[in-house]
């Protein structure tokens, strides 16, 4: 199994290393540092699908093992043509067409530290299909992650330390859209005149949250610190928090009038959808 070092596995250099070591057989890339155990004939199922369909990438559902030894199945969604999310969940591993892998890597000119895999999979999507098998074909074993760590990861996009990675992702997707001739010509957009209506703000940043006391202040302050030439506010839907998140929000709101807090009358509202509604 081709696998890059965990600290550089998403870099362009790591993608080149994987391509260099690939032969004529399907290449399995581990996207994490988890230990992978294939189910009986799981690897064969993935590789056979890749060969029979001529796809660029094949991925599947999988199991994880909890600290108590119980298994949890992770059912992934189908990739759709045009999907651009840099955090799209392919699971822990993907199986890649070796010829397409080498072609895609040979055309990679940017040196990304974090967007190497994203750049590669966008390039592969232009060369062939990306197929999801709704079958749990392997088991991933990883160290336990605390709820606080999960929360911090969920809001990592507001961490200033990740800004360089965000810029890389934007650069990679812009190049992808250019290759597809899908860039929007912003010079042809019509200007919208807001002067005819009385809007107290021109934009609102909406953040649903429940029990994220370690990260909510950073998320809110990051949104409030954005520089814009128009008025905006930040609306937080506090979905029945019980860990101190509500108190943190109230403290910020006491000195920041742009922060608006909404607390659903039925708490917690059912899921993120309930928050949005």
C-alpha atoms as a PDB file:
ATOM      1  CA  UNK A   1       0.000   0.000   0.000  1.00  0.00           C
ATOM      2  CA  UNK A   2       1.438   3.354  -1.009  1.00  0.00           C
ATOM      3  CA  UNK A   3       1.421   5.667   1.996  1.00  0.00           C
ATOM      4  CA  UNK A   4       3.067   9.011   2.604  1.00  0.00           C
ATOM      5  CA  UNK A   5       4.329  10.195   5.965  1.00  0.00           C
ATOM      6  CA  UNK A   6       1.404  11.522   8.012  1.00  0.00           C
ATOM      7  CA  UNK A   7       2.916  15.002   8.350  1.00  0.00           C
ATOM      8  CA  UNK A   8       3.343  15.464   4.594  1.00  0.00           C
ATOM      9  CA  UNK A   9       0.811  13.045   3.138  1.00  0.00           C
ATOM     10  CA  UNK A  10      -1.243  15.836   1.544  1.00  0.00           C
ATOM     11  CA  UNK A  11       1.660  17.596  -0.150  1.00  0.00           C
ATOM     12  CA  UNK A  12       2.505  17.641  -3.837  1.00  0.00           C
ATOM     13  CA  UNK A  13       5.786  15.956  -2.972  1.00  0.00           C
ATOM     14  CA  UNK A  14       3.900  13.072  -1.341  1.00  0.00           C
ATOM     15  CA  UNK A  15       1.722  12.638  -4.434  1.00  0.00           C
ATOM     16  CA  UNK A  16       4.825  12.511  -6.651  1.00  0.00           C
ATOM     17  CA  UNK A  17       6.395   9.948  -4.331  1.00  0.00           C
ATOM     18  CA  UNK A  18       3.315   7.737  -4.561  1.00  0.00           C
ATOM     19  CA  UNK A  19       3.252   8.009  -8.369  1.00  0.00           C
ATOM     20  CA  UNK A  20       6.968   7.210  -8.595  1.00  0.00           C
ATOM     21  CA  UNK A  21       6.499   4.012  -6.620  1.00  0.00           C
ATOM     22  CA  UNK A  22       3.408   2.902  -8.536  1.00  0.00           C
ATOM     23  CA  UNK A  23       3.551   0.072 -11.028  1.00  0.00           C
ATOM     24  CA  UNK A  24       0.862  -1.230 -13.332  1.00  0.00           C
ATOM     25  CA  UNK A  25      -1.454  -2.404 -10.543  1.00  0.00           C
ATOM     26  CA  UNK A  26      -4.120  -0.236  -8.898  1.00  0.00           C
ATOM     27  CA  UNK A  27      -2.586   2.080  -6.303  1.00  0.00           C
ATOM     28  CA  UNK A  28      -4.070   2.191  -2.798  1.00  0.00           C
ATOM     29  CA  UNK A  29      -3.491   5.529  -1.084  1.00  0.00           C
ATOM     30  CA  UNK A  30      -3.986   5.864   2.652  1.00  0.00           C
ATOM     31  CA  UNK A  31      -5.281   9.383   3.320  1.00  0.00           C
ATOM     32  CA  UNK A  32      -4.674   9.142   7.073  1.00  0.00           C
ATOM     33  CA  UNK A  33      -2.283   7.488   9.507  1.00  0.00           C
ATOM     34  CA  UNK A  34      -4.909   4.907  10.492  1.00  0.00           C
ATOM     35  CA  UNK A  35      -4.121   1.205  10.351  1.00  0.00           C
ATOM     36  CA  UNK A  36      -6.184  -0.406   7.570  1.00  0.00           C
ATOM     37  CA  UNK A  37      -7.408  -4.008   7.671  1.00  0.00           C
ATOM     38  CA  UNK A  38      -9.174  -5.120   4.513  1.00  0.00           C
ATOM     39  CA  UNK A  39     -12.234  -7.310   4.886  1.00  0.00           C
ATOM     40  CA  UNK A  40     -12.072 -10.661   3.051  1.00  0.00           C
ATOM     41  CA  UNK A  41     -11.768  -9.847  -0.661  1.00  0.00           C
ATOM     42  CA  UNK A  42     -12.200  -6.138   0.133  1.00  0.00           C
ATOM     43  CA  UNK A  43      -9.062  -5.035  -1.670  1.00  0.00           C
ATOM     44  CA  UNK A  44      -9.878  -7.325  -4.597  1.00  0.00           C
ATOM     45  CA  UNK A  45     -13.379  -5.815  -4.841  1.00  0.00           C
ATOM     46  CA  UNK A  46     -11.997  -2.278  -5.023  1.00  0.00           C
ATOM     47  CA  UNK A  47      -9.282  -3.136  -7.530  1.00  0.00           C
ATOM     48  CA  UNK A  48     -11.602  -5.213  -9.741  1.00  0.00           C
ATOM     49  CA  UNK A  49     -14.112  -2.347  -9.868  1.00  0.00           C
ATOM     50  CA  UNK A  50     -11.339   0.053 -10.870  1.00  0.00           C
ATOM     51  CA  UNK A  51     -10.166  -2.216 -13.692  1.00  0.00           C
ATOM     52  CA  UNK A  52     -13.606  -3.168 -14.992  1.00  0.00           C
ATOM     53  CA  UNK A  53     -14.952   0.386 -15.086  1.00  0.00           C
ATOM     54  CA  UNK A  54     -11.802   2.223 -16.137  1.00  0.00           C
ATOM     55  CA  UNK A  55     -12.459   4.690 -13.309  1.00  0.00           C
ATOM     56  CA  UNK A  56      -9.885   7.120 -11.995  1.00  0.00           C
ATOM     57  CA  UNK A  57     -10.732   6.569  -8.310  1.00  0.00           C
ATOM     58  CA  UNK A  58     -12.769   3.989  -6.399  1.00  0.00           C
ATOM     59  CA  UNK A  59     -13.644   4.354  -2.704  1.00  0.00           C
ATOM     60  CA  UNK A  60     -15.988   2.521  -0.344  1.00  0.00           C
ATOM     61  CA  UNK A  61     -17.750   2.557   2.995  1.00  0.00           C
ATOM     62  CA  UNK A  62     -15.768   1.258   5.960  1.00  0.00           C
ATOM     63  CA  UNK A  63     -15.814   0.317   9.618  1.00  0.00           C
ATOM     64  CA  UNK A  64     -13.964   1.829  12.558  1.00  0.00           C
ATOM     65  CA  UNK A  65     -13.252   0.117  15.861  1.00  0.00           C
ATOM     66  CA  UNK A  66     -14.178   2.021  19.011  1.00  0.00           C
ATOM     67  CA  UNK A  67     -12.076   1.889  22.165  1.00  0.00           C
ATOM     68  CA  UNK A  68     -14.546  -0.613  23.652  1.00  0.00           C
ATOM     69  CA  UNK A  69     -14.043  -2.955  20.706  1.00  0.00           C
ATOM     70  CA  UNK A  70     -17.381  -2.259  19.038  1.00  0.00           C
ATOM     71  CA  UNK A  71     -17.593  -1.647  15.313  1.00  0.00           C
ATOM     72  CA  UNK A  72     -19.152   1.395  13.670  1.00  0.00           C
ATOM     73  CA  UNK A  73     -20.014   1.511   9.973  1.00  0.00           C
ATOM     74  CA  UNK A  74     -19.374   4.742   8.064  1.00  0.00           C
ATOM     75  CA  UNK A  75     -21.692   5.114   5.075  1.00  0.00           C
ATOM     76  CA  UNK A  76     -20.266   7.627   2.623  1.00  0.00           C
ATOM     77  CA  UNK A  77     -22.097   9.537  -0.090  1.00  0.00           C
ATOM     78  CA  UNK A  78     -21.600   9.299  -3.834  1.00  0.00           C
ATOM     79  CA  UNK A  79     -19.217  11.743  -5.429  1.00  0.00           C
ATOM     80  CA  UNK A  80     -20.966  13.835  -8.075  1.00  0.00           C
ATOM     81  CA  UNK A  81     -19.339  15.365 -11.178  1.00  0.00           C
ATOM     82  CA  UNK A  82     -18.548  18.959 -10.366  1.00  0.00           C
ATOM     83  CA  UNK A  83     -18.131  18.373  -6.624  1.00  0.00           C
ATOM     84  CA  UNK A  84     -15.445  20.766  -5.395  1.00  0.00           C
ATOM     85  CA  UNK A  85     -15.385  20.426  -1.588  1.00  0.00           C
ATOM     86  CA  UNK A  86     -11.778  20.087  -0.495  1.00  0.00           C
ATOM     87  CA  UNK A  87     -12.936  18.104   2.559  1.00  0.00           C
ATOM     88  CA  UNK A  88     -15.164  15.666   0.642  1.00  0.00           C
ATOM     89  CA  UNK A  89     -15.156  12.394   2.600  1.00  0.00           C
ATOM     90  CA  UNK A  90     -13.588   9.591   0.568  1.00  0.00           C
ATOM     91  CA  UNK A  91     -13.049   7.570   3.732  1.00  0.00           C
ATOM     92  CA  UNK A  92      -9.621   6.458   4.872  1.00  0.00           C
ATOM     93  CA  UNK A  93      -8.299   5.030   1.602  1.00  0.00           C
ATOM     94  CA  UNK A  94      -8.843   5.340  -2.133  1.00  0.00           C
ATOM     95  CA  UNK A  95      -7.790   3.068  -4.981  1.00  0.00           C
ATOM     96  CA  UNK A  96      -6.420   4.934  -7.986  1.00  0.00           C
ATOM     97  CA  UNK A  97      -5.828   4.083 -11.644  1.00  0.00           C
ATOM     98  CA  UNK A  98      -2.002   3.928 -11.951  1.00  0.00           C
ATOM     99  CA  UNK A  99      -1.818   5.324 -15.498  1.00  0.00           C
ATOM    100  CA  UNK A 100      -4.098   8.230 -14.693  1.00  0.00           C
ATOM    101  CA  UNK A 101      -2.195   8.809 -11.450  1.00  0.00           C
ATOM    102  CA  UNK A 102       1.117   9.201 -13.270  1.00  0.00           C
ATOM    103  CA  UNK A 103      -0.428  11.434 -15.938  1.00  0.00           C
ATOM    104  CA  UNK A 104      -2.076  13.688 -13.354  1.00  0.00           C
ATOM    105  CA  UNK A 105       1.072  13.947 -11.250  1.00  0.00           C
ATOM    106  CA  UNK A 106       3.222  14.703 -14.296  1.00  0.00           C
ATOM    107  CA  UNK A 107       1.066  17.792 -14.923  1.00  0.00           C
ATOM    108  CA  UNK A 108       1.229  19.086 -11.334  1.00  0.00           C
ATOM    109  CA  UNK A 109       3.378  22.228 -11.379  1.00  0.00           C
ATOM    110  CA  UNK A 110       2.485  23.893  -8.071  1.00  0.00           C
ATOM    111  CA  UNK A 111       4.296  22.864  -4.890  1.00  0.00           C
ATOM    112  CA  UNK A 112       1.516  22.517  -2.317  1.00  0.00           C
ATOM    113  CA  UNK A 113       2.195  21.691   1.313  1.00  0.00           C
ATOM    114  CA  UNK A 114      -1.437  20.802   2.112  1.00  0.00           C
ATOM    115  CA  UNK A 115      -3.395  20.777  -1.167  1.00  0.00           C
ATOM    116  CA  UNK A 116      -1.452  18.062  -2.977  1.00  0.00           C
ATOM    117  CA  UNK A 117      -4.158  15.405  -2.614  1.00  0.00           C
ATOM    118  CA  UNK A 118      -6.896  17.931  -3.407  1.00  0.00           C
ATOM    119  CA  UNK A 119      -5.051  19.026  -6.555  1.00  0.00           C
ATOM    120  CA  UNK A 120      -4.500  15.392  -7.541  1.00  0.00           C
ATOM    121  CA  UNK A 121      -8.078  14.259  -7.091  1.00  0.00           C
ATOM    122  CA  UNK A 122      -9.387  17.268  -9.050  1.00  0.00           C
ATOM    123  CA  UNK A 123      -7.020  16.341 -11.878  1.00  0.00           C
ATOM    124  CA  UNK A 124      -8.067  12.693 -11.692  1.00  0.00           C
ATOM    125  CA  UNK A 125     -11.733  13.702 -11.886  1.00  0.00           C
ATOM    126  CA  UNK A 126     -10.952  15.256 -15.281  1.00  0.00           C
ATOM    127  CA  UNK A 127      -9.405  12.004 -16.497  1.00  0.00           C
ATOM    128  CA  UNK A 128     -12.022   9.475 -15.376  1.00  0.00           C
ATOM    129  CA  UNK A 129     -14.967   8.654 -13.126  1.00  0.00           C
ATOM    130  CA  UNK A 130     -14.888   8.576  -9.337  1.00  0.00           C
ATOM    131  CA  UNK A 131     -16.926   5.605  -8.120  1.00  0.00           C
ATOM    132  CA  UNK A 132     -18.309   4.933  -4.638  1.00  0.00           C
ATOM    133  CA  UNK A 133     -19.026   1.356  -3.561  1.00  0.00           C
ATOM    134  CA  UNK A 134     -21.695   1.357  -0.822  1.00  0.00           C
ATOM    135  CA  UNK A 135     -20.053  -1.625   0.876  1.00  0.00           C
ATOM    136  CA  UNK A 136     -17.870  -1.683   3.998  1.00  0.00           C
ATOM    137  CA  UNK A 137     -14.706  -3.187   2.533  1.00  0.00           C
ATOM    138  CA  UNK A 138     -12.149  -2.387   5.218  1.00  0.00           C
ATOM    139  CA  UNK A 139     -11.723  -1.516   8.875  1.00  0.00           C
ATOM    140  CA  UNK A 140      -9.732   1.496  10.107  1.00  0.00           C
ATOM    141  CA  UNK A 141      -8.138   1.481  13.540  1.00  0.00           C
ATOM    142  CA  UNK A 142      -7.115   4.793  15.068  1.00  0.00           C
ATOM    143  CA  UNK A 143      -6.428   6.349  18.431  1.00  0.00           C
ATOM    144  CA  UNK A 144      -9.419   7.680  20.333  1.00  0.00           C
ATOM    145  CA  UNK A 145     -10.326  11.333  19.677  1.00  0.00           C
ATOM    146  CA  UNK A 146     -11.966  13.412  22.409  1.00  0.00           C
ATOM    147  CA  UNK A 147     -15.143  15.394  21.813  1.00  0.00           C
ATOM    148  CA  UNK A 148     -13.191  18.599  22.390  1.00  0.00           C
ATOM    149  CA  UNK A 149     -10.668  17.626  19.710  1.00  0.00           C
ATOM    150  CA  UNK A 150     -13.491  16.831  17.311  1.00  0.00           C
ATOM    151  CA  UNK A 151     -14.981  20.250  17.980  1.00  0.00           C
ATOM    152  CA  UNK A 152     -11.661  21.963  17.392  1.00  0.00           C
ATOM    153  CA  UNK A 153     -11.275  20.105  14.083  1.00  0.00           C
ATOM    154  CA  UNK A 154     -14.791  21.112  13.042  1.00  0.00           C
ATOM    155  CA  UNK A 155     -13.945  24.778  13.464  1.00  0.00           C
ATOM    156  CA  UNK A 156     -10.362  24.544  12.201  1.00  0.00           C
ATOM    157  CA  UNK A 157     -11.307  26.687   9.217  1.00  0.00           C
ATOM    158  CA  UNK A 158     -11.320  29.749  11.486  1.00  0.00           C
ATOM    159  CA  UNK A 159      -7.836  29.061  12.841  1.00  0.00           C
ATOM    160  CA  UNK A 160      -5.457  31.679  11.409  1.00  0.00           C
ATOM    161  CA  UNK A 161      -2.742  29.014  11.341  1.00  0.00           C
ATOM    162  CA  UNK A 162      -4.687  27.229   8.593  1.00  0.00           C
ATOM    163  CA  UNK A 163      -4.919  30.279   6.331  1.00  0.00           C
ATOM    164  CA  UNK A 164      -2.014  29.160   4.145  1.00  0.00           C
ATOM    165  CA  UNK A 165      -3.759  25.831   3.541  1.00  0.00           C
ATOM    166  CA  UNK A 166      -6.974  27.633   2.618  1.00  0.00           C
ATOM    167  CA  UNK A 167      -5.107  29.760   0.089  1.00  0.00           C
ATOM    168  CA  UNK A 168      -3.616  26.597  -1.438  1.00  0.00           C
ATOM    169  CA  UNK A 169      -7.064  25.011  -1.767  1.00  0.00           C
ATOM    170  CA  UNK A 170      -8.400  28.155  -3.458  1.00  0.00           C
ATOM    171  CA  UNK A 171      -5.475  28.165  -5.874  1.00  0.00           C
ATOM    172  CA  UNK A 172      -5.956  24.488  -6.744  1.00  0.00           C
ATOM    173  CA  UNK A 173      -9.682  24.800  -7.384  1.00  0.00           C
ATOM    174  CA  UNK A 174      -9.207  27.963  -9.454  1.00  0.00           C
ATOM    175  CA  UNK A 175      -6.756  26.085 -11.676  1.00  0.00           C
ATOM    176  CA  UNK A 176      -9.274  23.232 -11.939  1.00  0.00           C
ATOM    177  CA  UNK A 177     -12.085  25.559 -12.997  1.00  0.00           C
ATOM    178  CA  UNK A 178      -9.755  27.184 -15.533  1.00  0.00           C
ATOM    179  CA  UNK A 179      -8.924  23.753 -16.990  1.00  0.00           C
ATOM    180  CA  UNK A 180     -12.661  23.051 -17.348  1.00  0.00           C
ATOM    181  CA  UNK A 181     -13.322  26.501 -18.831  1.00  0.00           C
ATOM    182  CA  UNK A 182     -15.742  26.939 -15.948  1.00  0.00           C
ATOM    183  CA  UNK A 183     -14.500  30.177 -14.417  1.00  0.00           C
ATOM    184  CA  UNK A 184     -17.118  32.884 -13.965  1.00  0.00           C
ATOM    185  CA  UNK A 185     -16.416  36.066 -15.898  1.00  0.00           C
ATOM    186  CA  UNK A 186     -17.016  38.509 -13.060  1.00  0.00           C
ATOM    187  CA  UNK A 187     -16.599  41.467 -15.413  1.00  0.00           C
ATOM    188  CA  UNK A 188     -19.999  40.623 -16.909  1.00  0.00           C
ATOM    189  CA  UNK A 189     -21.900  40.523 -13.620  1.00  0.00           C
ATOM    190  CA  UNK A 190     -24.621  43.114 -13.102  1.00  0.00           C
ATOM    191  CA  UNK A 191     -24.168  45.508 -10.220  1.00  0.00           C
ATOM    192  CA  UNK A 192     -26.937  45.278  -7.623  1.00  0.00           C
ATOM    193  CA  UNK A 193     -28.203  48.577  -6.310  1.00  0.00           C
ATOM    194  CA  UNK A 194     -29.063  48.250  -2.629  1.00  0.00           C
ATOM    195  CA  UNK A 195     -29.917  51.915  -2.208  1.00  0.00           C
ATOM    196  CA  UNK A 196     -33.599  51.358  -3.037  1.00  0.00           C
ATOM    197  CA  UNK A 197     -34.206  49.340   0.140  1.00  0.00           C
ATOM    198  CA  UNK A 198     -33.356  49.838   3.778  1.00  0.00           C
ATOM    199  CA  UNK A 199     -31.235  46.915   4.930  1.00  0.00           C
ATOM    200  CA  UNK A 200     -29.682  47.273   8.405  1.00  0.00           C
ATOM    201  CA  UNK A 201     -26.833  45.028   7.194  1.00  0.00           C
ATOM    202  CA  UNK A 202     -25.875  43.729   3.784  1.00  0.00           C
ATOM    203  CA  UNK A 203     -24.711  40.309   4.982  1.00  0.00           C
ATOM    204  CA  UNK A 204     -25.074  37.938   7.924  1.00  0.00           C
ATOM    205  CA  UNK A 205     -22.679  35.202   9.004  1.00  0.00           C
ATOM    206  CA  UNK A 206     -24.736  32.365  10.527  1.00  0.00           C
ATOM    207  CA  UNK A 207     -23.108  29.890  12.928  1.00  0.00           C
ATOM    208  CA  UNK A 208     -25.071  26.971  14.439  1.00  0.00           C
ATOM    209  CA  UNK A 209     -23.463  25.624  17.603  1.00  0.00           C
ATOM    210  CA  UNK A 210     -24.007  23.243  20.484  1.00  0.00           C
ATOM    211  CA  UNK A 211     -21.508  22.546  23.258  1.00  0.00           C
ATOM    212  CA  UNK A 212     -18.351  23.974  21.678  1.00  0.00           C
ATOM    213  CA  UNK A 213     -16.997  26.081  24.530  1.00  0.00           C
ATOM    214  CA  UNK A 214     -13.392  25.604  23.405  1.00  0.00           C
ATOM    215  CA  UNK A 215     -13.918  26.897  19.866  1.00  0.00           C
ATOM    216  CA  UNK A 216     -16.991  29.130  19.699  1.00  0.00           C
ATOM    217  CA  UNK A 217     -15.217  32.317  20.846  1.00  0.00           C
ATOM    218  CA  UNK A 218     -12.557  31.905  18.136  1.00  0.00           C
ATOM    219  CA  UNK A 219     -15.223  31.229  15.515  1.00  0.00           C
ATOM    220  CA  UNK A 220     -17.292  34.292  16.444  1.00  0.00           C
ATOM    221  CA  UNK A 221     -14.331  36.646  16.839  1.00  0.00           C
ATOM    222  CA  UNK A 222     -12.877  35.453  13.536  1.00  0.00           C
ATOM    223  CA  UNK A 223     -16.149  36.264  11.772  1.00  0.00           C
ATOM    224  CA  UNK A 224     -16.456  39.636  13.499  1.00  0.00           C
ATOM    225  CA  UNK A 225     -12.869  40.563  12.621  1.00  0.00           C
ATOM    226  CA  UNK A 226     -13.420  40.290   8.859  1.00  0.00           C
ATOM    227  CA  UNK A 227     -12.777  43.554   7.045  1.00  0.00           C
ATOM    228  CA  UNK A 228     -15.534  44.639   4.650  1.00  0.00           C
ATOM    229  CA  UNK A 229     -16.719  47.855   3.050  1.00  0.00           C
ATOM    230  CA  UNK A 230     -20.306  47.102   4.096  1.00  0.00           C
ATOM    231  CA  UNK A 231     -22.158  46.455   7.354  1.00  0.00           C
ATOM    232  CA  UNK A 232     -22.623  42.862   8.473  1.00  0.00           C
ATOM    233  CA  UNK A 233     -23.549  40.964  11.596  1.00  0.00           C
ATOM    234  CA  UNK A 234     -22.987  37.502  13.054  1.00  0.00           C
ATOM    235  CA  UNK A 235     -25.963  35.364  14.034  1.00  0.00           C
ATOM    236  CA  UNK A 236     -25.282  32.379  16.302  1.00  0.00           C
ATOM    237  CA  UNK A 237     -27.960  29.742  16.841  1.00  0.00           C
ATOM    238  CA  UNK A 238     -27.184  28.352  20.291  1.00  0.00           C
ATOM    239  CA  UNK A 239     -28.755  24.915  20.094  1.00  0.00           C
ATOM    240  CA  UNK A 240     -29.249  24.043  23.759  1.00  0.00           C
ATOM    241  CA  UNK A 241     -25.621  24.273  24.887  1.00  0.00           C
ATOM    242  CA  UNK A 242     -24.903  23.069  28.424  1.00  0.00           C
ATOM    243  CA  UNK A 243     -21.102  23.274  28.630  1.00  0.00           C
ATOM    244  CA  UNK A 244     -20.589  27.022  29.022  1.00  0.00           C
ATOM    245  CA  UNK A 245     -20.947  27.930  25.348  1.00  0.00           C
ATOM    246  CA  UNK A 246     -24.037  30.059  26.096  1.00  0.00           C
ATOM    247  CA  UNK A 247     -22.252  32.085  28.735  1.00  0.00           C
ATOM    248  CA  UNK A 248     -19.306  32.738  26.401  1.00  0.00           C
ATOM    249  CA  UNK A 249     -21.681  33.972  23.699  1.00  0.00           C
ATOM    250  CA  UNK A 250     -23.537  36.234  26.154  1.00  0.00           C
ATOM    251  CA  UNK A 251     -20.258  37.754  27.321  1.00  0.00           C
ATOM    252  CA  UNK A 252     -19.166  38.565  23.759  1.00  0.00           C
ATOM    253  CA  UNK A 253     -22.614  39.948  22.887  1.00  0.00           C
ATOM    254  CA  UNK A 254     -22.502  42.279  25.895  1.00  0.00           C
ATOM    255  CA  UNK A 255     -19.779  44.313  24.188  1.00  0.00           C
ATOM    256  CA  UNK A 256     -20.362  43.446  20.528  1.00  0.00           C
ATOM    257  CA  UNK A 257     -23.747  44.649  19.157  1.00  0.00           C
ATOM    258  CA  UNK A 258     -23.135  42.925  15.814  1.00  0.00           C
ATOM    259  CA  UNK A 259     -23.456  39.530  17.500  1.00  0.00           C
ATOM    260  CA  UNK A 260     -27.046  38.272  17.570  1.00  0.00           C
ATOM    261  CA  UNK A 261     -27.879  35.106  19.506  1.00  0.00           C
ATOM    262  CA  UNK A 262     -30.911  32.969  18.693  1.00  0.00           C
ATOM    263  CA  UNK A 263     -31.914  30.140  21.008  1.00  0.00           C
ATOM    264  CA  UNK A 264     -34.564  27.748  19.607  1.00  0.00           C
ATOM    265  CA  UNK A 265     -37.620  27.413  21.801  1.00  0.00           C
ATOM    266  CA  UNK A 266     -37.316  23.636  21.477  1.00  0.00           C
ATOM    267  CA  UNK A 267     -33.798  22.671  22.534  1.00  0.00           C
ATOM    268  CA  UNK A 268     -31.922  21.041  21.137  1.00  0.00           C
ATOM    269  CA  UNK A 269     -33.382  21.510  17.686  1.00  0.00           C
ATOM    270  CA  UNK A 270     -33.073  18.325  15.601  1.00  0.00           C
ATOM    271  CA  UNK A 271     -29.670  18.446  13.963  1.00  0.00           C
ATOM    272  CA  UNK A 272     -28.026  21.195  11.931  1.00  0.00           C
ATOM    273  CA  UNK A 273     -31.147  21.428   9.776  1.00  0.00           C
ATOM    274  CA  UNK A 274     -33.150  22.333  12.855  1.00  0.00           C
ATOM    275  CA  UNK A 275     -30.621  25.068  13.632  1.00  0.00           C
ATOM    276  CA  UNK A 276     -30.878  26.584  10.168  1.00  0.00           C
ATOM    277  CA  UNK A 277     -34.671  26.598  10.318  1.00  0.00           C
END
